Amino acid sequence: MLLSMMSVDVTGFERLKEESCLEFEKIYMTLKDENNHIVNGYHLQEGYLFQDNKLYIPKTFVREFLI
């Protein structure tokens, strides 16, 4: 049996890397600038901010749309 990897391109999520939120800006900058791996349970993965295994969505229209 041949298994193939499926990938899906979702547009718009790259903007989450650019959006800032005063609430988490300090943590994001600390992780980004100092190359820390984890700060208070937060980490960066490919430029996205996660807390544990949850993607952080900044307080913008995107968060309102998803909720």
Protein backbone atom coordinates (compact mmCIF):
# COMPACT_ATOMS: atom_id res chain seq x y z
CA MET A 1 0.00 0.00 0.00
CA LEU A 2 1.40 3.38 -1.00
CA LEU A 3 0.86 6.21 1.46
CA SER A 4 1.41 9.78 0.44
CA MET A 5 1.76 12.90 2.51
CA MET A 6 -1.07 15.33 2.04
CA SER A 7 -0.45 19.03 2.36
CA VAL A 8 -2.88 21.88 2.39
CA ASP A 9 -2.00 25.49 1.71
CA VAL A 10 -4.09 27.87 3.77
CA THR A 11 -3.67 31.49 2.83
CA GLY A 12 -3.75 34.32 5.32
CA PHE A 13 -2.12 32.63 8.28
CA GLU A 14 1.27 34.14 7.44
CA ARG A 15 -0.22 37.47 8.56
CA LEU A 16 -0.31 36.11 12.12
CA LYS A 17 3.47 36.39 12.17
CA GLU A 18 3.19 40.11 11.40
CA GLU A 19 0.28 41.01 13.68
CA SER A 20 1.27 42.37 17.05
CA CYS A 21 -0.57 42.34 20.32
CA LEU A 22 0.57 44.43 23.26
CA GLU A 23 -0.43 41.60 25.58
CA PHE A 24 2.16 39.18 24.16
CA GLU A 25 4.62 41.46 22.37
CA LYS A 26 7.25 41.19 25.12
CA ILE A 27 7.16 37.39 25.16
CA TYR A 28 7.28 37.23 21.35
CA MET A 29 10.23 39.61 21.13
CA THR A 30 12.09 37.75 23.89
CA LEU A 31 11.65 34.46 22.07
CA LYS A 32 12.57 35.97 18.70
CA ASP A 33 15.51 38.17 19.68
CA GLU A 34 17.22 36.02 22.29
CA ASN A 35 16.67 32.65 20.61
CA ASN A 36 15.10 31.27 23.79
CA HIS A 37 13.31 28.01 23.29
CA ILE A 38 10.54 28.39 25.88
CA VAL A 39 9.37 31.31 28.03
CA ASN A 40 6.52 30.65 30.48
CA GLY A 41 5.22 27.81 28.31
CA TYR A 42 5.39 29.90 25.11
CA HIS A 43 7.56 29.01 22.13
CA LEU A 44 7.97 30.02 18.50
CA GLN A 45 7.54 27.50 15.75
CA GLU A 46 8.24 28.73 12.21
CA GLY A 47 7.53 32.28 13.41
CA TYR A 48 4.18 31.46 15.03
CA LEU A 49 3.64 31.89 18.77
CA PHE A 50 2.39 28.84 20.65
CA GLN A 51 1.55 28.22 24.28
CA ASP A 52 2.13 24.53 24.81
CA ASN A 53 0.42 23.11 21.70
CA LYS A 54 -2.04 25.98 21.13
CA LEU A 55 -1.54 28.56 18.38
CA TYR A 56 -1.78 32.12 19.66
CA ILE A 57 -4.16 34.28 17.61
CA PRO A 58 -3.63 38.03 18.17
CA LYS A 59 -6.59 40.17 19.20
CA THR A 60 -7.51 41.23 15.68
CA PHE A 61 -10.34 40.58 13.25
CA VAL A 62 -8.88 37.11 12.67
CA ARG A 63 -9.54 36.10 16.29
CA GLU A 64 -13.08 37.46 16.10
CA PHE A 65 -13.65 35.59 12.85
CA LEU A 66 -12.41 32.28 14.29
CA ILE A 67 -14.43 32.60 17.47
